[in-house]
C-alpha atoms as a PDB file:
ATOM      1  CA  MET A   1      57.515  88.961 115.925  1.00  0.00           C
ATOM      2  CA  GLU A   2      57.383  89.528 119.561  1.00  0.00           C
ATOM      3  CA  PRO A   3      57.232  93.208 120.732  1.00  0.00           C
ATOM      4  CA  ASN A   4      60.108  92.790 122.900  1.00  0.00           C
ATOM      5  CA  LYS A   5      62.152  91.555 119.843  1.00  0.00           C
ATOM      6  CA  GLU A   6      61.136  94.417 117.671  1.00  0.00           C
ATOM      7  CA  LEU A   7      62.063  96.925 120.465  1.00  0.00           C
ATOM      8  CA  GLU A   8      65.547  95.484 120.659  1.00  0.00           C
ATOM      9  CA  LYS A   9      65.944  95.656 117.052  1.00  0.00           C
ATOM     10  CA  GLU A  10      65.008  99.167 116.931  1.00  0.00           C
ATOM     11  CA  ILE A  11      67.352 100.077 119.816  1.00  0.00           C
ATOM     12  CA  GLU A  12      70.231  98.179 118.107  1.00  0.00           C
ATOM     13  CA  LYS A  13      69.606 100.295 114.969  1.00  0.00           C
ATOM     14  CA  LYS A  14      69.815 103.638 116.839  1.00  0.00           C
ATOM     15  CA  PHE A  15      72.585 102.807 119.173  1.00  0.00           C
ATOM     16  CA  LEU A  16      75.944 101.450 118.508  1.00  0.00           C
ATOM     17  CA  THR A  17      76.535  98.010 120.027  1.00  0.00           C
ATOM     18  CA  PRO A  18      80.035  96.244 120.433  1.00  0.00           C
ATOM     19  CA  SER A  19      79.192  93.703 117.671  1.00  0.00           C
ATOM     20  CA  LYS A  20      78.064  96.455 115.377  1.00  0.00           C
ATOM     21  CA  PHE A  21      81.117  98.574 116.225  1.00  0.00           C
ATOM     22  CA  ALA A  22      83.473  95.647 115.549  1.00  0.00           C
ATOM     23  CA  MET A  23      81.780  95.151 112.231  1.00  0.00           C
ATOM     24  CA  GLU A  24      82.263  98.861 111.300  1.00  0.00           C
ATOM     25  CA  ILE A  25      86.029  98.550 112.380  1.00  0.00           C
ATOM     26  CA  GLU A  26      86.447  95.251 110.441  1.00  0.00           C
ATOM     27  CA  ASN A  27      84.859  96.957 107.175  1.00  0.00           C
ATOM     28  CA  ILE A  28      87.359  99.957 107.652  1.00  0.00           C
ATOM     29  CA  VAL A  29      90.358  97.637 107.870  1.00  0.00           C
ATOM     30  CA  ALA A  30      89.367  95.540 105.044  1.00  0.00           C
ATOM     31  CA  ASN A  31      88.321  98.422 102.567  1.00  0.00           C
ATOM     32  CA  GLU A  32      90.791 101.167 103.773  1.00  0.00           C
ATOM     33  CA  ASP A  33      93.915  99.057 104.143  1.00  0.00           C
ATOM     34  CA  MET A  34      94.425 100.293 107.811  1.00  0.00           C
ATOM     35  CA  ASN A  35      95.391  98.700 110.947  1.00  0.00           C
ATOM     36  CA  TYR A  36      92.984  98.326 113.738  1.00  0.00           C
ATOM     37  CA  ILE A  37      94.526 101.264 115.723  1.00  0.00           C
ATOM     38  CA  ASP A  38      94.141 103.593 112.784  1.00  0.00           C
ATOM     39  CA  ALA A  39      90.566 102.184 111.846  1.00  0.00           C
ATOM     40  CA  ILE A  40      89.264 102.987 115.243  1.00  0.00           C
ATOM     41  CA  CYS A  41      90.775 106.552 115.153  1.00  0.00           C
ATOM     42  CA  TYR A  42      89.378 106.947 111.796  1.00  0.00           C
ATOM     43  CA  TYR A  43      85.924 105.705 112.658  1.00  0.00           C
ATOM     44  CA  CYS A  44      85.847 108.230 115.594  1.00  0.00           C
ATOM     45  CA  GLU A  45      87.023 111.057 113.379  1.00  0.00           C
ATOM     46  CA  ILE A  46      84.274 110.588 110.875  1.00  0.00           C
ATOM     47  CA  ASN A  47      81.691 110.130 113.341  1.00  0.00           C
ATOM     48  CA  ASN A  48      82.704 113.116 115.583  1.00  0.00           C
ATOM     49  CA  LEU A  49      83.204 110.786 118.600  1.00  0.00           C
ATOM     50  CA  GLU A  50      85.872 110.943 121.286  1.00  0.00           C
ATOM     51  CA  ILE A  51      88.150 107.891 121.244  1.00  0.00           C
ATOM     52  CA  GLU A  52      87.622 107.678 124.938  1.00  0.00           C
ATOM     53  CA  SER A  53      83.914 107.079 124.330  1.00  0.00           C
ATOM     54  CA  VAL A  54      84.313 103.992 122.405  1.00  0.00           C
ATOM     55  CA  THR A  55      86.238 101.907 125.063  1.00  0.00           C
ATOM     56  CA  LYS A  56      83.242  99.976 126.116  1.00  0.00           C
ATOM     57  CA  LEU A  57      82.396  99.011 122.640  1.00  0.00           C
ATOM     58  CA  VAL A  58      85.553  97.302 122.002  1.00  0.00           C
ATOM     59  CA  SER A  59      85.140  93.560 122.334  1.00  0.00           C
ATOM     60  CA  LYS A  60      87.501  90.785 123.411  1.00  0.00           C
ATOM     61  CA  PRO A  61      88.402  89.763 119.789  1.00  0.00           C
ATOM     62  CA  LEU A  62      88.902  93.208 118.777  1.00  0.00           C
ATOM     63  CA  LYS A  63      91.048  93.953 121.740  1.00  0.00           C
ATOM     64  CA  GLU A  64      93.196  90.916 120.792  1.00  0.00           C
ATOM     65  CA  LYS A  65      93.707  92.383 117.268  1.00  0.00           C
ATOM     66  CA  LEU A  66      94.409  95.965 118.797  1.00  0.00           C
ATOM     67  CA  LYS A  67      96.992  94.243 120.977  1.00  0.00           C
ATOM     68  CA  TRP A  68      98.690  92.355 118.102  1.00  0.00           C
ATOM     69  CA  ASP A  69      98.736  95.721 116.025  1.00  0.00           C
ATOM     70  CA  ALA A  70     100.395  97.532 119.024  1.00  0.00           C
ATOM     71  CA  GLN A  71     102.956  94.917 119.317  1.00  0.00           C
ATOM     72  CA  GLU A  72     103.786  94.692 115.696  1.00  0.00           C
ATOM     73  CA  LEU A  73     104.100  98.420 115.739  1.00  0.00           C
ATOM     74  CA  ASN A  74     106.397  98.400 118.957  1.00  0.00           C
ATOM     75  CA  PHE A  75     103.813 100.327 121.029  1.00  0.00           C
ATOM     76  CA  MET A  76     103.840  97.771 123.464  1.00  0.00           C
ATOM     77  CA  LYS A  77     106.309  94.940 124.573  1.00  0.00           C
ATOM     78  CA  LYS A  78     105.545  91.535 122.779  1.00  0.00           C
ATOM     79  CA  THR A  79     104.347  88.799 124.979  1.00  0.00           C
ATOM     80  CA  SER A  80     104.250  85.105 124.456  1.00  0.00           C
ATOM     81  CA  ARG A  81     100.543  85.085 125.164  1.00  0.00           C
ATOM     82  CA  ALA A  82      99.687  87.306 122.302  1.00  0.00           C
ATOM     83  CA  LYS A  83      97.357  85.727 119.754  1.00  0.00           C
ATOM     84  CA  LEU A  84      97.344  86.284 116.271  1.00  0.00           C
ATOM     85  CA  PRO A  85      94.284  87.913 114.602  1.00  0.00           C
ATOM     86  CA  LEU A  86      92.171  85.213 112.633  1.00  0.00           C
END
């Protein structure tokens, strides 16, 4: 394995990436029977993170799922452009 690839893998293990964050949230949603909004809050709580600190980790697909949840919970207006989570 190239030294650069090894370094990238080690960095990814130590630091949270958007893909790793999305996987963690998906696991919480599946295993804890929560919606995405609650799952992110729960993740931040158990990892002692400020919710504001994870905003850059939210990927586009995760944003769509958050938006769908928010609309279903009447936290925001429903739009015709909203996509259902797949």
